[in-house]
Amino acid sequence: MSRKHSFVLTLSNNVTEKEGVNYLIENFTGFFKIDLATKKELLDLLKIEHRFLQAFDLIYVPSMVGRNIDTDFVQTYLEDILLIELKTTKKYLPDNPKGFFFGATENEFNFGKILGDRFRFCFVSLNEKGSSYAFLTIDELELKIKNRRIQYQINL
C-alpha cells in the first residue's frame, strides 16, 4: 500500500512543482526554465560536473524580460545567472519561508556550496489566501534551519 501512496504523492509533488515554475515565470521577470542541453552547457561554462544537473530547476537573470534561452543568451549573461532549486508548497505561508517543510538532497546542498551566491533555494507558497516566493542562499538557509534529519533513499 505504501508503494501506491508514494507514487501518488510523487505525482502530486511534480504537479505542484510545475505550478510553482509557472507561477514564477508568469508573474515575475527574470525566471527561465531551461532544457537539459542548455543545463549541460551552463554547467560546462561554469566548469561544474554534470552530476549536478538535477540540483537546480530554473535560472534567474535579474531584470531580464522573457526571451528564448539559447547558447548566445547563456554565454552573454553567464555572470548574471543565478541557478535556482525550487521548493513548492500549497500551504499558506504569510512569512515565507517561515513554516516551510521540504526535502533536499545532499547534492543540492553541495551544489549550493560550490556556487555560493550564484545559487538560491526558491521557496514558493501557492495558496488562495496569498502566494509568494522567497530566495535563500545556502548560508541564509543554514541560519534558518530549525531541525534537520537524514532520510535514506534505498533501491534494491
Protein backbone atom coordinates (compact mmCIF):
# COMPACT_ATOMS: atom_id res chain seq x y z
CA MET A 1 0.00 0.00 0.00
CA SER A 2 2.79 2.46 0.77
CA ARG A 3 4.15 1.93 -2.74
CA LYS A 4 0.91 3.19 -4.33
CA HIS A 5 0.68 6.08 -1.82
CA SER A 6 4.31 7.07 -2.52
CA PHE A 7 3.67 7.05 -6.26
CA VAL A 8 0.56 9.23 -5.92
CA LEU A 9 2.42 11.61 -3.59
CA THR A 10 5.32 11.90 -6.07
CA LEU A 11 2.90 12.72 -8.91
CA SER A 12 1.21 15.35 -6.73
CA ASN A 13 4.57 16.90 -5.83
CA ASN A 14 5.56 17.01 -9.51
CA VAL A 15 2.32 18.83 -10.37
CA THR A 16 2.85 21.29 -7.51
CA GLU A 17 6.43 21.97 -8.66
CA LYS A 18 5.22 22.67 -12.22
CA GLU A 19 2.64 25.07 -10.80
CA GLY A 20 5.47 26.78 -8.89
CA VAL A 21 7.54 27.12 -12.06
CA ASN A 22 4.57 28.57 -13.93
CA TYR A 23 3.76 30.98 -11.07
CA LEU A 24 7.28 32.41 -11.15
CA ILE A 25 7.61 32.62 -14.94
CA GLU A 26 4.15 34.11 -15.47
CA ASN A 27 4.25 36.65 -12.61
CA PHE A 28 7.85 37.79 -12.29
CA THR A 29 10.56 38.83 -14.71
CA GLY A 30 13.88 37.04 -14.79
CA PHE A 31 12.81 33.40 -14.28
CA PHE A 32 13.51 30.90 -17.06
CA LYS A 33 13.04 27.15 -17.44
CA ILE A 34 15.88 25.66 -19.47
CA ASP A 35 16.12 22.35 -21.27
CA LEU A 36 18.61 19.58 -20.50
CA ALA A 37 21.04 20.54 -23.27
CA THR A 38 21.17 24.14 -22.01
CA LYS A 39 21.62 22.95 -18.43
CA LYS A 40 24.62 20.87 -19.55
CA GLU A 41 26.06 23.81 -21.45
CA LEU A 42 25.61 26.11 -18.45
CA LEU A 43 27.37 23.65 -16.14
CA ASP A 44 30.18 23.28 -18.70
CA LEU A 45 30.64 27.06 -18.85
CA LEU A 46 30.74 27.17 -15.05
CA LYS A 47 33.17 24.20 -15.03
CA ILE A 48 30.85 22.14 -12.84
CA GLU A 49 30.24 18.41 -13.14
CA HIS A 50 27.07 17.14 -14.82
CA ARG A 51 26.19 15.15 -11.69
CA PHE A 52 24.57 18.41 -10.53
CA LEU A 53 22.06 18.51 -13.42
CA GLN A 54 19.18 17.66 -11.06
CA ALA A 55 20.31 20.14 -8.38
CA PHE A 56 18.53 23.10 -10.00
CA ASP A 57 15.22 23.67 -11.76
CA LEU A 58 15.37 27.20 -13.14
CA ILE A 59 17.69 30.07 -13.83
CA TYR A 60 17.13 33.63 -12.77
CA VAL A 61 18.54 36.67 -14.52
CA PRO A 62 17.55 39.85 -12.67
CA SER A 63 15.67 42.40 -14.78
CA MET A 64 15.64 40.12 -17.85
CA VAL A 65 12.26 40.05 -19.54
CA GLY A 66 11.12 36.90 -21.37
CA ARG A 67 13.27 35.77 -24.23
CA ASN A 68 14.38 32.50 -25.72
CA ILE A 69 17.22 30.87 -23.85
CA ASP A 70 19.92 29.69 -26.22
CA THR A 71 23.70 29.34 -26.36
CA ASP A 72 24.21 33.03 -27.02
CA PHE A 73 21.98 34.01 -24.09
CA VAL A 74 23.79 31.75 -21.63
CA GLN A 75 27.21 32.97 -22.76
CA THR A 76 26.17 36.64 -22.80
CA TYR A 77 24.53 36.65 -19.37
CA LEU A 78 26.68 33.98 -17.68
CA GLU A 79 27.92 36.35 -14.95
CA ASP A 80 24.34 37.42 -14.08
CA ILE A 81 22.70 33.97 -14.00
CA LEU A 82 21.56 32.53 -10.67
CA LEU A 83 20.78 28.81 -10.55
CA ILE A 84 17.55 28.11 -8.70
CA GLU A 85 16.38 24.99 -6.88
CA LEU A 86 12.64 25.23 -6.45
CA LYS A 87 10.71 24.04 -3.40
CA THR A 88 6.96 24.45 -3.66
CA THR A 89 4.05 24.06 -1.24
CA LYS A 90 0.35 24.82 -1.27
CA LYS A 91 0.48 25.73 2.41
CA TYR A 92 -0.33 29.34 3.26
CA LEU A 93 2.89 30.95 4.48
CA PRO A 94 2.43 34.67 5.16
CA ASP A 95 6.07 34.85 6.34
CA ASN A 96 7.52 32.67 3.60
CA PRO A 97 9.84 30.74 4.05
CA LYS A 98 8.96 30.50 7.76
CA GLY A 99 6.99 27.29 8.28
CA PHE A 100 8.21 25.63 5.08
CA PHE A 101 8.73 21.87 5.25
CA PHE A 102 10.69 20.35 2.38
CA GLY A 103 13.12 17.68 1.32
CA ALA A 104 16.53 18.45 -0.10
CA THR A 105 19.35 16.27 -1.30
CA GLU A 106 22.96 16.36 -0.25
CA ASN A 107 23.71 17.05 -3.90
CA GLU A 108 21.64 20.26 -3.79
CA PHE A 109 23.48 21.47 -0.69
CA ASN A 110 26.88 20.59 -2.21
CA PHE A 111 25.95 22.36 -5.43
CA GLY A 112 24.90 25.44 -3.48
CA LYS A 113 28.18 25.45 -1.58
CA ILE A 114 30.16 25.22 -4.83
CA LEU A 115 28.20 28.09 -6.43
CA GLY A 116 27.92 30.29 -3.34
CA ASP A 117 25.91 33.43 -4.13
CA ARG A 118 25.10 32.14 -7.63
CA PHE A 119 22.74 29.52 -6.18
CA ARG A 120 19.41 30.02 -4.43
CA PHE A 121 16.75 27.83 -2.97
CA CYS A 122 13.46 29.39 -4.04
CA PHE A 123 10.57 28.67 -1.69
CA VAL A 124 7.20 29.09 -3.41
CA SER A 125 3.93 29.15 -1.48
CA LEU A 126 0.87 28.75 -3.71
CA ASN A 127 -2.31 29.41 -1.80
CA GLU A 128 -5.64 31.12 -2.45
CA LYS A 129 -5.05 33.35 0.60
CA GLY A 130 -1.85 34.57 -0.99
CA SER A 131 1.07 33.25 -2.99
CA SER A 132 4.68 34.25 -2.57
CA TYR A 133 8.27 33.25 -3.11
CA ALA A 134 11.47 33.70 -1.13
CA PHE A 135 15.11 33.28 -2.14
CA LEU A 136 17.74 31.91 0.24
CA THR A 137 21.41 31.16 -0.30
CA ILE A 138 22.84 28.08 1.40
CA ASP A 139 24.31 30.27 4.15
CA GLU A 140 20.98 32.05 4.72
CA LEU A 141 19.14 28.73 4.77
CA GLU A 142 21.58 27.21 7.25
CA LEU A 143 20.84 30.06 9.68
CA LYS A 144 17.08 29.42 9.46
CA ILE A 145 17.02 25.61 9.74
CA LYS A 146 15.34 24.54 12.97
CA ASN A 147 15.52 20.75 12.51
CA ARG A 148 17.27 18.53 10.02
CA ARG A 149 17.09 14.79 9.67
CA ILE A 150 18.65 12.36 7.24
CA GLN A 151 16.40 10.07 5.25
CA TYR A 152 17.96 7.29 3.23
CA GLN A 153 16.59 6.54 -0.23
CA ILE A 154 17.35 2.90 -0.98
CA ASN A 155 16.92 0.85 -4.15
CA LEU A 156 17.27 -2.93 -4.10
